[in-house]
């Protein structure tokens, strides 16, 4: 029995050694490299990226899409990421055909509109935002995150400098000009955005104000923004060098060149025959 136990231990030890050697060989043979390209800004919400896609289609579609997703972000708390993604596509499908839905999916995959969202985030940081405000408005250099203060700030708004509007700003459709400008900084789809938007859109329809929306995320997620499709090249150089005898390499090279010259015809001359 003792001998049998020793034989079993020996076989088990040999098997374990064999598997460890196979694992080491597999690890050494694998030379693939996986690289991730992360942006300097955090991950941006897909809902905001979808709105920028709609804005490229037309300003009218942007505001129509916005009306259908006023408080859509609340579903993000209860739904899975995949379900929320499909919900955004469903809302966008009310204004896009199948071809443009596929283009939107592609834009999501490469995060094509994430830099635009970050641009608005930087503009909001330069204001700067009032402390503890999920959404806020700027009325000719005056800031507030309280809806009941908007009426008071509007009274003398035209006496203050008019704000500069960027090309990418989202302006609510209106036929009047030279109106007081109210810029809303908010995250589309949140309750705070919905409260401000309801009031500001009503005033814009009545011709009282020029309503401008800029994206603003009060608490960005900690996840990194991974990008793809930006033409990044990863160049890897091997630092392992092999020692070679230069004299032998040179001798072999010279002999090879001479043989090629003798066997080949150059400008009608056969050097092998001339040499003989």
Protein backbone atom coordinates (compact mmCIF):
# COMPACT_ATOMS: atom_id res chain seq x y z
CA UNK A 1 0.00 0.00 0.00
CA UNK A 2 2.87 2.37 0.83
CA UNK A 3 4.49 1.72 -2.55
CA UNK A 4 1.18 2.31 -4.32
CA UNK A 5 0.74 5.61 -2.50
CA UNK A 6 4.25 6.70 -3.52
CA UNK A 7 3.50 5.86 -7.17
CA UNK A 8 0.27 7.90 -7.05
CA UNK A 9 2.10 10.89 -5.54
CA UNK A 10 4.78 10.62 -8.23
CA UNK A 11 2.18 10.54 -11.03
CA UNK A 12 0.28 13.52 -9.58
CA UNK A 13 3.50 15.48 -9.23
CA UNK A 14 4.48 14.74 -12.83
CA UNK A 15 1.02 15.78 -14.08
CA UNK A 16 1.14 19.07 -12.15
CA UNK A 17 4.61 19.80 -13.54
CA UNK A 18 3.40 19.05 -17.08
CA UNK A 19 0.42 21.45 -16.75
CA UNK A 20 2.62 24.19 -15.29
CA UNK A 21 5.05 23.89 -18.21
CA UNK A 22 2.17 24.02 -20.71
CA UNK A 23 0.82 27.13 -19.02
CA UNK A 24 4.22 28.81 -19.09
CA UNK A 25 4.63 27.96 -22.79
CA UNK A 26 1.18 29.43 -23.59
CA UNK A 27 1.94 32.59 -21.63
CA UNK A 28 5.31 33.05 -23.33
CA UNK A 29 3.85 32.35 -26.79
CA UNK A 30 1.10 34.96 -26.39
CA UNK A 31 2.38 38.39 -27.51
CA UNK A 32 -0.90 40.22 -28.09
CA UNK A 33 -1.26 43.71 -26.65
CA UNK A 34 -4.59 45.28 -25.62
CA UNK A 35 -4.68 49.07 -25.47
CA UNK A 36 -7.44 51.45 -24.35
CA UNK A 37 -7.68 55.11 -25.35
CA UNK A 38 -9.16 57.18 -22.51
CA UNK A 39 -10.07 60.85 -22.87
CA UNK A 40 -9.21 63.45 -20.24
CA UNK A 41 -12.89 64.04 -19.44
CA UNK A 42 -15.36 61.63 -17.74
CA UNK A 43 -17.98 59.59 -19.57
CA UNK A 44 -20.85 61.66 -20.98
CA UNK A 45 -24.56 60.65 -20.96
CA UNK A 46 -25.84 59.02 -24.15
CA UNK A 47 -29.05 61.06 -23.95
CA UNK A 48 -27.09 64.30 -24.38
CA UNK A 49 -25.09 62.80 -27.23
CA UNK A 50 -28.34 61.76 -28.93
CA UNK A 51 -29.63 65.34 -28.63
CA UNK A 52 -26.50 66.63 -30.40
CA UNK A 53 -27.12 64.14 -33.20
CA UNK A 54 -30.66 65.50 -33.51
CA UNK A 55 -29.33 69.07 -33.53
CA UNK A 56 -27.19 68.25 -36.57
CA UNK A 57 -30.35 67.11 -38.34
CA UNK A 58 -32.20 70.37 -37.55
CA UNK A 59 -32.89 72.77 -34.70
CA UNK A 60 -36.58 71.86 -34.92
CA UNK A 61 -35.89 68.14 -34.39
CA UNK A 62 -33.63 68.96 -31.45
CA UNK A 63 -36.42 70.74 -29.57
CA UNK A 64 -39.01 68.13 -30.57
CA UNK A 65 -36.75 65.38 -29.21
CA UNK A 66 -36.15 67.41 -26.06
CA UNK A 67 -39.88 67.64 -25.37
CA UNK A 68 -40.20 63.84 -25.37
CA UNK A 69 -37.25 63.23 -23.00
CA UNK A 70 -37.74 66.00 -20.42
CA UNK A 71 -37.46 63.62 -17.45
CA UNK A 72 -36.12 60.50 -19.16
CA UNK A 73 -33.01 60.37 -16.96
CA UNK A 74 -35.09 59.10 -14.02
CA UNK A 75 -35.34 55.73 -15.81
CA UNK A 76 -31.55 55.50 -15.66
CA UNK A 77 -31.83 54.76 -11.94
CA UNK A 78 -34.14 51.76 -12.40
CA UNK A 79 -33.36 50.37 -15.86
CA UNK A 80 -30.24 48.51 -17.00
CA UNK A 81 -27.75 50.31 -19.23
CA UNK A 82 -28.90 48.29 -22.25
CA UNK A 83 -32.61 49.00 -21.58
CA UNK A 84 -31.90 52.72 -21.17
CA UNK A 85 -29.90 52.68 -24.43
CA UNK A 86 -32.86 51.11 -26.27
CA UNK A 87 -35.24 53.60 -24.67
CA UNK A 88 -33.20 56.50 -26.08
CA UNK A 89 -33.22 54.89 -29.52
CA UNK A 90 -36.99 54.43 -29.27
CA UNK A 91 -37.51 58.12 -28.44
CA UNK A 92 -35.19 59.17 -31.28
CA UNK A 93 -37.03 56.82 -33.65
CA UNK A 94 -40.06 59.11 -33.47
CA UNK A 95 -38.14 61.67 -35.55
CA UNK A 96 -35.62 59.55 -37.51
CA UNK A 97 -35.86 56.86 -40.20
CA UNK A 98 -34.07 53.50 -39.97
CA UNK A 99 -30.99 54.77 -41.82
CA UNK A 100 -30.48 57.63 -39.37
CA UNK A 101 -31.13 55.34 -36.39
CA UNK A 102 -28.25 53.17 -37.61
CA UNK A 103 -26.09 56.28 -37.94
CA UNK A 104 -27.02 57.23 -34.38
CA UNK A 105 -25.98 53.77 -33.16
CA UNK A 106 -22.65 54.20 -34.92
CA UNK A 107 -22.21 57.65 -33.35
CA UNK A 108 -22.85 56.06 -29.94
CA UNK A 109 -20.26 53.35 -30.59
CA UNK A 110 -17.47 55.83 -31.38
CA UNK A 111 -18.78 58.46 -28.91
CA UNK A 112 -18.67 61.03 -31.70
CA UNK A 113 -20.58 63.73 -29.78
CA UNK A 114 -18.88 63.32 -26.41
CA UNK A 115 -16.37 66.14 -27.11
CA UNK A 116 -19.30 68.48 -27.83
CA UNK A 117 -20.87 67.70 -24.44
CA UNK A 118 -17.53 68.32 -22.76
CA UNK A 119 -17.24 71.65 -24.59
CA UNK A 120 -20.51 72.83 -23.00
CA UNK A 121 -19.30 71.53 -19.65
CA UNK A 122 -16.20 73.71 -19.94
CA UNK A 123 -18.30 76.75 -20.87
CA UNK A 124 -20.45 76.16 -17.78
CA UNK A 125 -17.33 75.89 -15.60
CA UNK A 126 -16.22 79.34 -16.80
CA UNK A 127 -19.46 81.00 -15.56
CA UNK A 128 -18.99 79.55 -12.80
CA UNK A 129 -22.03 77.53 -11.59
CA UNK A 130 -23.63 78.52 -8.26
CA UNK A 131 -22.78 76.08 -5.49
CA UNK A 132 -25.13 73.11 -4.99
CA UNK A 133 -27.26 73.85 -8.06
CA UNK A 134 -28.29 70.97 -10.32
CA UNK A 135 -29.41 73.50 -12.95
CA UNK A 136 -29.06 77.28 -13.20
CA UNK A 137 -29.75 80.19 -15.54
CA UNK A 138 -27.65 83.17 -16.58
CA UNK A 139 -29.57 86.37 -17.37
CA UNK A 140 -27.19 89.01 -18.72
CA UNK A 141 -24.33 88.24 -16.27
CA UNK A 142 -26.66 87.42 -13.36
CA UNK A 143 -26.83 83.81 -12.06
CA UNK A 144 -29.57 82.00 -10.19
CA UNK A 145 -30.81 78.46 -9.67
CA UNK A 146 -34.18 79.59 -8.23
CA UNK A 147 -37.09 79.83 -10.66
CA UNK A 148 -38.87 82.49 -8.59
CA UNK A 149 -35.91 84.89 -9.06
CA UNK A 150 -36.05 84.88 -12.86
CA UNK A 151 -38.82 87.50 -13.08
CA UNK A 152 -36.86 89.95 -10.90
CA UNK A 153 -33.61 89.49 -12.89
CA UNK A 154 -35.46 90.06 -16.16
CA UNK A 155 -36.62 93.58 -15.21
CA UNK A 156 -33.26 95.29 -15.79
CA UNK A 157 -31.70 92.63 -18.01
CA UNK A 158 -31.48 94.85 -21.12
CA UNK A 159 -29.42 97.44 -19.20
CA UNK A 160 -26.69 94.84 -18.67
CA UNK A 161 -24.30 93.53 -21.40
CA UNK A 162 -25.82 90.99 -23.77
CA UNK A 163 -24.15 87.53 -23.50
CA UNK A 164 -22.08 86.12 -26.33
CA UNK A 165 -23.74 83.19 -28.10
CA UNK A 166 -21.73 80.43 -29.70
CA UNK A 167 -22.39 78.75 -33.02
CA UNK A 168 -23.26 75.45 -31.33
CA UNK A 169 -25.75 76.92 -28.88
CA UNK A 170 -29.30 75.56 -28.94
CA UNK A 171 -31.72 78.47 -29.34
CA UNK A 172 -35.45 77.99 -28.92
CA UNK A 173 -37.28 78.91 -32.17
CA UNK A 174 -38.62 82.46 -32.10
CA UNK A 175 -39.44 85.17 -34.64
CA UNK A 176 -38.43 88.14 -32.50
CA UNK A 177 -34.97 89.64 -31.98
CA UNK A 178 -33.38 91.96 -29.41
CA UNK A 179 -35.03 90.08 -26.57
CA UNK A 180 -33.49 89.45 -23.11
CA UNK A 181 -31.36 86.30 -23.29
CA UNK A 182 -31.73 83.54 -20.71
CA UNK A 183 -29.15 80.76 -20.91
CA UNK A 184 -30.14 77.55 -19.15
CA UNK A 185 -27.36 75.25 -17.97
CA UNK A 186 -28.88 71.87 -17.15
CA UNK A 187 -28.73 68.15 -17.87
CA UNK A 188 -31.49 67.18 -20.23
CA UNK A 189 -33.82 64.52 -18.85
CA UNK A 190 -33.55 65.49 -15.17
CA UNK A 191 -36.38 66.90 -13.02
CA UNK A 192 -34.46 70.14 -12.46
CA UNK A 193 -34.18 70.62 -16.20
CA UNK A 194 -37.90 69.89 -16.69
CA UNK A 195 -38.95 72.61 -14.22
CA UNK A 196 -36.81 75.30 -15.85
CA UNK A 197 -37.63 74.22 -19.39
CA UNK A 198 -41.40 74.37 -18.84
CA UNK A 199 -41.21 77.98 -17.68
CA UNK A 200 -38.59 79.21 -20.15
CA UNK A 201 -40.18 77.62 -23.21
CA UNK A 202 -43.52 79.24 -22.30
CA UNK A 203 -41.88 82.66 -22.06
CA UNK A 204 -40.07 82.08 -25.37
CA UNK A 205 -43.32 81.16 -27.11
CA UNK A 206 -44.88 84.38 -25.82
CA UNK A 207 -42.01 86.41 -27.26
CA UNK A 208 -40.71 87.55 -23.88
CA UNK A 209 -37.21 86.05 -23.94
CA UNK A 210 -34.58 84.39 -26.13
CA UNK A 211 -34.16 80.93 -24.58
CA UNK A 212 -30.75 79.23 -25.03
CA UNK A 213 -29.86 75.77 -23.71
CA UNK A 214 -26.37 74.55 -22.87
CA UNK A 215 -25.57 71.11 -21.45
CA UNK A 216 -24.38 71.03 -17.84
CA UNK A 217 -23.76 67.96 -15.66
CA UNK A 218 -23.55 68.82 -11.98
CA UNK A 219 -21.98 65.53 -10.89
CA UNK A 220 -20.10 63.79 -13.74
CA UNK A 221 -19.67 60.03 -13.34
CA UNK A 222 -16.22 58.79 -12.20
CA UNK A 223 -15.90 56.38 -15.15
CA UNK A 224 -13.34 57.24 -17.81
CA UNK A 225 -14.43 58.18 -21.32
CA UNK A 226 -13.03 55.45 -23.61
CA UNK A 227 -12.80 56.46 -27.26
CA UNK A 228 -12.55 54.44 -30.46
CA UNK A 229 -12.22 55.15 -34.15
CA UNK A 230 -9.96 58.14 -33.76
CA UNK A 231 -7.06 56.77 -35.84
CA UNK A 232 -4.67 56.16 -32.97
CA UNK A 233 -1.55 54.13 -33.71
CA UNK A 234 0.27 52.13 -31.06
CA UNK A 235 3.95 51.65 -31.99
CA UNK A 236 5.91 49.11 -29.95
CA UNK A 237 9.66 48.66 -30.33
CA UNK A 238 11.47 45.56 -29.15
CA UNK A 239 14.45 46.32 -26.91
CA UNK A 240 15.93 42.82 -27.21
CA UNK A 241 19.12 42.74 -29.31
CA UNK A 242 21.01 39.70 -30.58
CA UNK A 243 24.79 39.66 -30.79
CA UNK A 244 26.03 38.99 -34.34
CA UNK A 245 29.52 38.74 -35.82
CA UNK A 246 29.65 41.60 -38.35
CA UNK A 247 32.64 40.17 -40.19
CA UNK A 248 30.88 36.92 -41.03
CA UNK A 249 27.76 38.73 -42.14
CA UNK A 250 29.81 41.05 -44.38
CA UNK A 251 31.74 38.14 -45.94
CA UNK A 252 28.58 36.21 -46.71
CA UNK A 253 26.94 39.33 -48.14
CA UNK A 254 29.89 40.14 -50.41
CA UNK A 255 30.11 36.55 -51.71
CA UNK A 256 26.40 36.57 -52.47
CA UNK A 257 26.67 39.85 -54.39
CA UNK A 258 29.61 38.53 -56.46
CA UNK A 259 27.72 35.36 -57.38
CA UNK A 260 24.73 37.42 -58.48
CA UNK A 261 26.91 39.65 -60.64
CA UNK A 262 28.62 36.70 -62.35
CA UNK A 263 25.43 34.81 -63.13
CA UNK A 264 23.47 37.82 -64.35
CA UNK A 265 23.66 39.72 -67.61
CA UNK A 266 24.43 43.42 -67.25
CA UNK A 267 24.07 45.71 -70.27
CA UNK A 268 24.62 42.74 -72.58
CA UNK A 269 27.85 41.54 -70.87
CA UNK A 270 28.13 38.03 -69.38
CA UNK A 271 30.82 38.52 -66.74
CA UNK A 272 31.22 34.76 -66.10
CA UNK A 273 32.32 34.16 -69.71
CA UNK A 274 34.57 37.23 -69.78
CA UNK A 275 36.22 36.10 -66.58
CA UNK A 276 36.92 32.64 -67.92
